[in-house]
Protein backbone atom coordinates (compact mmCIF):
# COMPACT_ATOMS: atom_id res chain seq x y z
CA MET A 1 -191.48 295.93 -112.77
CA PHE A 2 -188.73 298.17 -114.32
CA ARG A 3 -186.36 300.02 -111.83
CA LYS A 4 -184.50 303.08 -113.30
CA ASN A 5 -181.00 303.03 -111.99
CA GLY A 6 -181.77 300.97 -108.90
CA TYR A 7 -184.00 303.42 -107.42
CA ALA A 8 -187.28 302.38 -105.78
CA ARG A 9 -189.16 304.45 -108.61
CA THR A 10 -190.86 302.56 -110.67
CA ILE A 11 -191.88 303.28 -114.14
CA GLY A 12 -194.65 301.74 -116.31
CA LEU A 13 -196.99 298.76 -115.27
CA VAL A 14 -195.10 295.80 -116.73
CA GLY A 15 -192.39 293.76 -115.99
CA VAL A 16 -191.85 290.47 -117.28
CA PHE A 17 -194.53 288.21 -116.25
CA LEU A 18 -194.11 284.48 -116.42
CA VAL A 19 -197.52 282.80 -116.98
CA ALA A 20 -198.86 279.07 -117.21
CA ALA A 21 -199.65 278.52 -120.64
CA GLY A 22 -202.01 275.34 -119.82
CA LEU A 23 -204.69 277.55 -117.70
CA ALA A 24 -207.78 275.30 -117.47
CA ALA A 25 -210.15 277.97 -118.57
CA CYS A 26 -207.86 279.30 -121.46
CA SER A 27 -208.28 277.63 -124.97
CA LYS A 28 -205.57 279.57 -126.75
CA LYS A 29 -203.20 281.85 -125.73
CA PRO A 30 -203.78 285.64 -125.80
CA GLN A 31 -202.70 287.43 -129.04
CA GLN A 32 -200.08 289.85 -128.75
CA MET A 33 -199.57 293.05 -130.84
CA ALA A 34 -197.20 292.97 -133.96
CA LEU A 35 -193.80 294.45 -133.33
CA GLY A 36 -194.30 297.98 -133.10
CA GLN A 37 -197.76 298.17 -133.57
CA GLN A 38 -199.40 301.13 -131.62
CA ALA A 39 -202.44 300.65 -129.54
CA ASP A 40 -203.08 304.20 -128.33
CA GLY A 41 -200.62 306.28 -130.17
CA PRO A 42 -197.09 306.42 -130.97
CA ILE A 43 -194.76 304.62 -128.63
CA SER A 44 -191.97 306.00 -126.94
CA PRO A 45 -188.62 304.38 -127.02
CA GLY A 46 -187.32 302.98 -123.70
CA THR A 47 -190.81 303.03 -121.91
CA SER A 48 -192.69 299.83 -120.32
CA ARG A 49 -194.82 300.16 -123.46
CA ASP A 50 -192.16 300.06 -125.80
CA PHE A 51 -190.91 296.97 -123.79
CA SER A 52 -194.12 295.16 -123.84
CA VAL A 53 -195.28 295.90 -127.67
CA ASN A 54 -191.73 295.30 -129.15
CA ALA A 55 -189.84 292.76 -126.80
CA GLY A 56 -193.02 291.22 -125.36
CA ASP A 57 -193.65 291.16 -121.51
CA LYS A 58 -194.72 287.38 -121.13
CA VAL A 59 -193.45 284.04 -121.65
CA TYR A 60 -195.65 280.78 -121.36
CA PHE A 61 -194.74 277.67 -120.07
CA THR A 62 -196.51 273.94 -120.27
CA VAL A 63 -198.33 272.80 -117.54
CA ASN A 64 -196.26 271.66 -114.40
CA SER A 65 -193.07 272.91 -116.32
CA SER A 66 -190.50 275.31 -115.87
CA GLN A 67 -188.52 274.46 -119.23
CA LEU A 68 -188.53 277.21 -121.89
CA THR A 69 -190.41 276.37 -124.85
CA PRO A 70 -188.79 277.77 -128.26
CA GLU A 71 -191.46 280.30 -128.25
CA ALA A 72 -190.37 281.71 -124.73
CA GLN A 73 -186.82 281.61 -125.91
CA ALA A 74 -187.70 283.70 -128.77
CA THR A 75 -189.49 285.99 -126.59
CA LEU A 76 -186.73 286.42 -124.20
CA ARG A 77 -184.03 287.02 -126.70
CA GLY A 78 -186.21 290.10 -127.81
CA GLN A 79 -186.23 290.94 -124.12
CA ALA A 80 -182.46 290.54 -123.67
CA GLN A 81 -181.74 292.70 -126.92
CA TRP A 82 -184.07 295.42 -125.29
CA LEU A 83 -182.53 295.38 -122.05
CA GLY A 84 -179.20 295.65 -123.57
CA LYS A 85 -180.55 298.86 -125.25
CA TYR A 86 -181.47 300.20 -122.20
CA PRO A 87 -179.00 299.27 -119.21
CA GLN A 88 -180.56 301.82 -116.88
CA TYR A 89 -183.79 299.34 -116.18
CA SER A 90 -183.61 296.43 -113.87
CA VAL A 91 -186.59 293.95 -114.04
CA THR A 92 -188.63 291.82 -111.74
CA LEU A 93 -189.22 288.53 -112.99
CA GLU A 94 -192.64 287.27 -111.69
CA GLY A 95 -193.42 283.58 -111.71
CA HIS A 96 -196.76 282.30 -111.95
CA ALA A 97 -198.83 278.90 -112.04
CA ASP A 98 -202.08 277.95 -112.18
CA GLU A 99 -204.43 277.00 -109.22
CA ARG A 100 -204.33 273.28 -109.85
CA GLY A 101 -201.81 272.12 -107.49
CA THR A 102 -201.32 273.42 -103.79
CA ARG A 103 -200.01 276.65 -102.80
CA GLU A 104 -196.62 275.62 -101.94
CA TYR A 105 -196.05 273.61 -105.29
CA ASN A 106 -197.38 276.48 -107.31
CA ILE A 107 -195.09 278.88 -105.57
CA ALA A 108 -192.05 276.59 -105.94
CA LEU A 109 -192.98 276.19 -109.90
CA GLY A 110 -193.35 280.01 -110.18
CA ALA A 111 -189.91 280.14 -108.58
CA ARG A 112 -188.52 277.64 -110.77
CA ARG A 113 -190.17 279.34 -113.85
CA ALA A 114 -188.49 282.96 -112.90
CA SER A 115 -185.47 281.08 -112.25
CA ALA A 116 -185.35 279.64 -115.74
CA VAL A 117 -186.24 282.81 -117.38
CA ARG A 118 -183.41 284.80 -115.22
CA THR A 119 -180.75 282.12 -116.23
CA TYR A 120 -181.92 282.28 -119.88
CA LEU A 121 -181.38 286.07 -119.81
CA SER A 122 -178.18 286.01 -118.18
CA GLY A 123 -176.69 283.62 -120.73
CA LEU A 124 -177.91 286.05 -123.57
CA GLY A 125 -175.50 288.91 -121.68
CA VAL A 126 -178.21 290.55 -119.26
CA ASN A 127 -176.29 291.26 -116.18
CA PRO A 128 -177.99 288.87 -113.46
CA GLY A 129 -177.76 291.90 -110.97
CA ARG A 130 -180.49 293.65 -112.80
CA LEU A 131 -183.05 290.61 -112.61
CA ARG A 132 -184.93 289.98 -109.65
CA THR A 133 -187.17 287.13 -109.20
CA ILE A 134 -190.35 286.65 -107.26
CA SER A 135 -193.19 284.07 -107.34
CA TYR A 136 -196.67 284.18 -106.63
């Protein structure tokens, strides 16, 4: 979820979602729109839709892993660039895992995934104060 200027007012419906790539029911990753592709009309710069379409709003992990894949790193580089252009936004990094393990294990795995993304984005110059993590 985005927060503008640190206020509780949220914009958009996105955020940065961290989803397990190895979901048992999924045989392949969902297709993403091409950079700048328009689904429902023009994309306004600096919106959550702009972020989703042009930076990507999801990164995937392999099963039981919190290591960033090369594909995840590429997406995060795009997100860091977008966040650099729009410093008024902060981001909630939501860590998720599939339901194979115990609830405690999955919460911990989601937290490690969110933390890995936070560390990577911080290393790319995004102020860690703009990055909040949560695990589900």
